N, C-alpha and C. Protein backbone atom coordinates (compact mmCIF):
# COMPACT_ATOMS: atom_id res chain seq x y z
N UNK A 1 46.38 -49.44 19.42
CA UNK A 1 47.39 -48.41 19.52
C UNK A 1 47.02 -47.35 20.55
N UNK A 2 45.77 -47.29 20.97
CA UNK A 2 45.31 -46.35 21.98
C UNK A 2 45.66 -44.90 21.64
N UNK A 3 45.41 -44.51 20.39
CA UNK A 3 45.72 -43.15 19.97
C UNK A 3 44.89 -42.12 20.70
N UNK A 4 43.69 -42.50 21.13
CA UNK A 4 42.87 -41.53 21.85
C UNK A 4 43.48 -41.16 23.20
N UNK A 5 44.29 -42.05 23.78
CA UNK A 5 44.98 -41.71 25.02
C UNK A 5 46.25 -40.90 24.76
N UNK A 6 46.91 -41.16 23.62
CA UNK A 6 48.15 -40.45 23.31
C UNK A 6 47.89 -39.03 22.82
N UNK A 7 46.87 -38.86 21.96
CA UNK A 7 46.55 -37.55 21.39
C UNK A 7 45.23 -37.07 21.96
N UNK A 8 45.27 -36.52 23.14
CA UNK A 8 44.05 -36.15 23.82
C UNK A 8 43.51 -34.79 23.39
N UNK A 9 44.22 -34.07 22.57
CA UNK A 9 43.77 -32.76 22.12
C UNK A 9 42.75 -32.81 21.00
N UNK A 10 42.53 -33.97 20.41
CA UNK A 10 41.60 -34.10 19.30
C UNK A 10 40.21 -34.47 19.80
N UNK A 11 39.23 -34.01 19.11
CA UNK A 11 37.84 -34.37 19.41
C UNK A 11 37.52 -35.64 18.61
N UNK A 12 37.72 -36.80 19.22
CA UNK A 12 37.67 -38.08 18.50
C UNK A 12 36.30 -38.41 17.92
N UNK A 13 35.20 -38.16 18.60
CA UNK A 13 33.91 -38.46 17.95
C UNK A 13 33.71 -37.65 16.67
N UNK A 14 34.15 -36.38 16.68
CA UNK A 14 34.01 -35.56 15.47
C UNK A 14 34.97 -36.04 14.38
N UNK A 15 36.14 -36.50 14.75
CA UNK A 15 37.08 -37.03 13.76
C UNK A 15 36.51 -38.27 13.09
N UNK A 16 35.88 -39.15 13.85
CA UNK A 16 35.28 -40.35 13.29
C UNK A 16 34.11 -39.98 12.38
N UNK A 17 33.34 -39.00 12.79
CA UNK A 17 32.22 -38.51 11.98
C UNK A 17 32.71 -37.97 10.65
N UNK A 18 33.75 -37.14 10.68
CA UNK A 18 34.31 -36.58 9.44
C UNK A 18 34.93 -37.65 8.55
N UNK A 19 35.51 -38.68 9.16
CA UNK A 19 36.08 -39.78 8.38
C UNK A 19 35.00 -40.48 7.57
N UNK A 20 33.86 -40.73 8.19
CA UNK A 20 32.76 -41.40 7.49
C UNK A 20 32.21 -40.54 6.36
N UNK A 21 32.04 -39.26 6.62
CA UNK A 21 31.49 -38.37 5.60
C UNK A 21 32.43 -38.26 4.41
N UNK A 22 33.71 -38.03 4.66
CA UNK A 22 34.65 -37.88 3.54
C UNK A 22 34.81 -39.19 2.78
N UNK A 23 34.84 -40.32 3.47
CA UNK A 23 34.97 -41.60 2.77
C UNK A 23 33.75 -41.87 1.89
N UNK A 24 32.57 -41.58 2.40
CA UNK A 24 31.36 -41.79 1.60
C UNK A 24 31.36 -40.89 0.36
N UNK A 25 31.75 -39.64 0.51
CA UNK A 25 31.80 -38.74 -0.64
C UNK A 25 32.83 -39.16 -1.67
N UNK A 26 34.01 -39.57 -1.20
CA UNK A 26 35.06 -39.99 -2.13
C UNK A 26 34.66 -41.25 -2.87
N UNK A 27 34.14 -42.25 -2.16
CA UNK A 27 33.71 -43.49 -2.82
C UNK A 27 32.58 -43.22 -3.80
N UNK A 28 31.66 -42.33 -3.45
CA UNK A 28 30.55 -42.02 -4.35
C UNK A 28 31.06 -41.35 -5.63
N UNK A 29 31.96 -40.38 -5.49
CA UNK A 29 32.49 -39.67 -6.66
C UNK A 29 33.28 -40.62 -7.57
N UNK A 30 34.08 -41.49 -6.99
CA UNK A 30 34.86 -42.43 -7.79
C UNK A 30 33.95 -43.44 -8.48
N UNK A 31 32.89 -43.86 -7.80
CA UNK A 31 31.95 -44.82 -8.40
C UNK A 31 31.21 -44.20 -9.58
N UNK A 32 30.77 -42.96 -9.42
CA UNK A 32 30.10 -42.26 -10.52
C UNK A 32 31.04 -42.13 -11.71
N UNK A 33 32.29 -41.78 -11.45
CA UNK A 33 33.27 -41.64 -12.52
C UNK A 33 33.52 -42.97 -13.21
N UNK A 34 33.65 -44.03 -12.45
CA UNK A 34 33.92 -45.35 -13.03
C UNK A 34 32.77 -45.83 -13.90
N UNK A 35 31.55 -45.58 -13.48
CA UNK A 35 30.39 -46.03 -14.25
C UNK A 35 30.16 -45.15 -15.47
N UNK A 36 30.33 -43.84 -15.33
CA UNK A 36 30.02 -42.92 -16.41
C UNK A 36 31.10 -42.85 -17.49
N UNK A 37 32.37 -42.96 -17.09
CA UNK A 37 33.45 -42.73 -18.04
C UNK A 37 33.83 -43.98 -18.82
N UNK A 38 33.82 -45.13 -18.19
CA UNK A 38 34.26 -46.36 -18.83
C UNK A 38 33.08 -47.31 -19.02
N UNK A 39 33.13 -48.08 -20.10
CA UNK A 39 31.98 -48.94 -20.39
C UNK A 39 32.31 -50.43 -20.27
N UNK A 40 33.51 -50.79 -19.87
CA UNK A 40 33.82 -52.21 -19.75
C UNK A 40 33.23 -52.81 -18.47
N UNK A 41 33.21 -54.12 -18.39
CA UNK A 41 32.60 -54.81 -17.26
C UNK A 41 33.30 -54.58 -15.94
N UNK A 42 34.61 -54.47 -15.99
CA UNK A 42 35.37 -54.27 -14.75
C UNK A 42 35.05 -52.92 -14.11
N UNK A 43 34.90 -51.90 -14.94
CA UNK A 43 34.57 -50.57 -14.41
C UNK A 43 33.16 -50.55 -13.82
N UNK A 44 32.26 -51.24 -14.48
CA UNK A 44 30.89 -51.31 -13.94
C UNK A 44 30.88 -52.07 -12.61
N UNK A 45 31.66 -53.15 -12.52
CA UNK A 45 31.74 -53.89 -11.26
C UNK A 45 32.38 -53.03 -10.17
N UNK A 46 33.41 -52.27 -10.53
CA UNK A 46 34.04 -51.36 -9.57
C UNK A 46 33.06 -50.30 -9.10
N UNK A 47 32.23 -49.81 -10.02
CA UNK A 47 31.22 -48.84 -9.65
C UNK A 47 30.19 -49.41 -8.68
N UNK A 48 29.76 -50.66 -8.95
CA UNK A 48 28.79 -51.30 -8.06
C UNK A 48 29.38 -51.50 -6.67
N UNK A 49 30.63 -51.98 -6.60
CA UNK A 49 31.27 -52.15 -5.30
C UNK A 49 31.51 -50.81 -4.62
N UNK A 50 31.79 -49.79 -5.40
CA UNK A 50 31.94 -48.45 -4.83
C UNK A 50 30.64 -47.92 -4.26
N UNK A 51 29.53 -48.17 -4.96
CA UNK A 51 28.23 -47.77 -4.43
C UNK A 51 27.89 -48.55 -3.16
N UNK A 52 28.25 -49.82 -3.14
CA UNK A 52 28.04 -50.62 -1.93
C UNK A 52 28.86 -50.05 -0.76
N UNK A 53 30.12 -49.69 -1.02
CA UNK A 53 30.97 -49.09 0.02
C UNK A 53 30.40 -47.75 0.48
N UNK A 54 29.82 -46.98 -0.45
CA UNK A 54 29.19 -45.72 -0.10
C UNK A 54 28.03 -45.95 0.87
N UNK A 55 27.23 -46.98 0.60
CA UNK A 55 26.10 -47.30 1.47
C UNK A 55 26.59 -47.71 2.85
N UNK A 56 27.65 -48.51 2.90
CA UNK A 56 28.20 -48.95 4.19
C UNK A 56 28.72 -47.75 4.99
N UNK A 57 29.44 -46.85 4.32
CA UNK A 57 29.92 -45.65 5.01
C UNK A 57 28.77 -44.74 5.43
N UNK A 58 27.71 -44.67 4.63
CA UNK A 58 26.56 -43.86 5.00
C UNK A 58 25.86 -44.43 6.23
N UNK A 59 25.77 -45.75 6.33
CA UNK A 59 25.18 -46.37 7.52
C UNK A 59 26.06 -46.09 8.74
N UNK A 60 27.37 -46.19 8.56
CA UNK A 60 28.30 -45.89 9.66
C UNK A 60 28.15 -44.42 10.08
N UNK A 61 28.02 -43.54 9.10
CA UNK A 61 27.82 -42.12 9.36
C UNK A 61 26.55 -41.91 10.17
N UNK A 62 25.48 -42.58 9.82
CA UNK A 62 24.20 -42.45 10.52
C UNK A 62 24.32 -42.95 11.97
N UNK A 63 24.96 -44.08 12.16
CA UNK A 63 25.11 -44.64 13.51
C UNK A 63 25.98 -43.75 14.38
N UNK A 64 27.07 -43.25 13.83
CA UNK A 64 27.95 -42.36 14.60
C UNK A 64 27.23 -41.05 14.92
N UNK A 65 26.47 -40.53 13.95
CA UNK A 65 25.71 -39.31 14.19
C UNK A 65 24.72 -39.49 15.34
N UNK A 66 24.02 -40.61 15.36
CA UNK A 66 23.09 -40.88 16.46
C UNK A 66 23.81 -40.98 17.79
N UNK A 67 24.96 -41.64 17.82
CA UNK A 67 25.72 -41.76 19.06
C UNK A 67 26.22 -40.40 19.55
N UNK A 68 26.72 -39.58 18.62
CA UNK A 68 27.21 -38.26 19.00
C UNK A 68 26.05 -37.38 19.48
N UNK A 69 24.91 -37.44 18.79
CA UNK A 69 23.75 -36.64 19.20
C UNK A 69 23.26 -37.07 20.57
N UNK A 70 23.23 -38.38 20.81
CA UNK A 70 22.80 -38.88 22.12
C UNK A 70 23.77 -38.44 23.21
N UNK A 71 25.08 -38.48 22.89
CA UNK A 71 26.10 -38.05 23.85
C UNK A 71 25.97 -36.56 24.16
N UNK A 72 25.71 -35.75 23.13
CA UNK A 72 25.59 -34.31 23.35
C UNK A 72 24.32 -33.98 24.14
N UNK A 73 23.23 -34.69 23.88
CA UNK A 73 22.00 -34.47 24.66
C UNK A 73 22.21 -34.87 26.11
N UNK A 74 22.93 -35.95 26.32
CA UNK A 74 23.20 -36.43 27.66
C UNK A 74 24.07 -35.45 28.43
N UNK A 75 24.97 -34.78 27.75
CA UNK A 75 25.88 -33.84 28.40
C UNK A 75 25.29 -32.48 28.65
N UNK A 76 24.05 -32.23 28.24
CA UNK A 76 23.44 -30.91 28.40
C UNK A 76 22.67 -30.77 29.71
N UNK A 77 23.22 -31.30 30.78
CA UNK A 77 22.54 -31.13 32.07
C UNK A 77 22.82 -29.74 32.61
N UNK A 78 21.91 -29.21 33.39
CA UNK A 78 22.01 -27.83 33.88
C UNK A 78 23.02 -27.68 35.01
N UNK A 79 23.36 -28.78 35.69
CA UNK A 79 24.26 -28.67 36.83
C UNK A 79 25.73 -28.70 36.44
N UNK A 80 26.04 -28.86 35.18
CA UNK A 80 27.43 -28.95 34.74
C UNK A 80 27.81 -27.66 34.03
N UNK A 81 28.96 -27.05 34.35
CA UNK A 81 29.37 -25.82 33.68
C UNK A 81 29.62 -26.04 32.20
N UNK A 82 29.41 -24.99 31.40
CA UNK A 82 29.56 -25.09 29.95
C UNK A 82 30.99 -25.42 29.54
N UNK A 83 31.98 -24.82 30.17
CA UNK A 83 33.37 -25.08 29.81
C UNK A 83 33.73 -26.54 30.06
N UNK A 84 33.23 -27.11 31.13
CA UNK A 84 33.54 -28.50 31.44
C UNK A 84 32.86 -29.44 30.44
N UNK A 85 31.63 -29.10 29.99
CA UNK A 85 30.93 -29.93 29.01
C UNK A 85 31.69 -29.96 27.70
N UNK A 86 32.15 -28.80 27.23
CA UNK A 86 32.89 -28.74 25.97
C UNK A 86 34.19 -29.52 26.09
N UNK A 87 34.86 -29.38 27.20
CA UNK A 87 36.12 -30.10 27.42
C UNK A 87 35.87 -31.60 27.45
N UNK A 88 34.82 -32.04 28.07
CA UNK A 88 34.51 -33.47 28.16
C UNK A 88 34.18 -34.03 26.79
N UNK A 89 33.51 -33.26 25.95
CA UNK A 89 33.17 -33.75 24.62
C UNK A 89 34.41 -33.99 23.78
N UNK A 90 35.31 -33.05 23.79
CA UNK A 90 36.47 -33.15 22.91
C UNK A 90 37.61 -33.94 23.50
N UNK A 91 37.57 -34.24 24.76
CA UNK A 91 38.64 -35.04 25.37
C UNK A 91 38.26 -36.50 25.45
N UNK A 92 37.10 -36.85 24.92
CA UNK A 92 36.73 -38.26 24.88
C UNK A 92 36.19 -38.80 26.19
N UNK A 93 35.82 -37.93 27.12
CA UNK A 93 35.28 -38.41 28.40
C UNK A 93 33.80 -38.64 28.23
N UNK A 94 33.30 -39.58 28.94
CA UNK A 94 31.89 -39.92 28.86
C UNK A 94 31.67 -41.14 28.00
N UNK A 95 30.46 -41.59 27.93
CA UNK A 95 30.13 -42.80 27.18
C UNK A 95 29.72 -42.43 25.77
N UNK A 96 30.37 -43.05 24.83
CA UNK A 96 30.01 -42.86 23.44
C UNK A 96 29.78 -44.19 22.80
């Protein structure tokens, strides 16, 4: 769909980072609730799959965080003006 080209006002790396964090928190909370509140087998299985999804989102969060940190370190060169660096980060320019 190329949404990053259509909606250029959003800071896409940060949006992806926030998506991973919120998904991991939501899956973790629902998994804890499913395991703690209900005692049937289906709820326990749902909790286990929820914990697995939490781990997958946490790994995605870690990988995205490393990519964003590497991108920000790469963009901190002294010859580039600060306003242009901030604009490049949030407009999706550069390698991520």
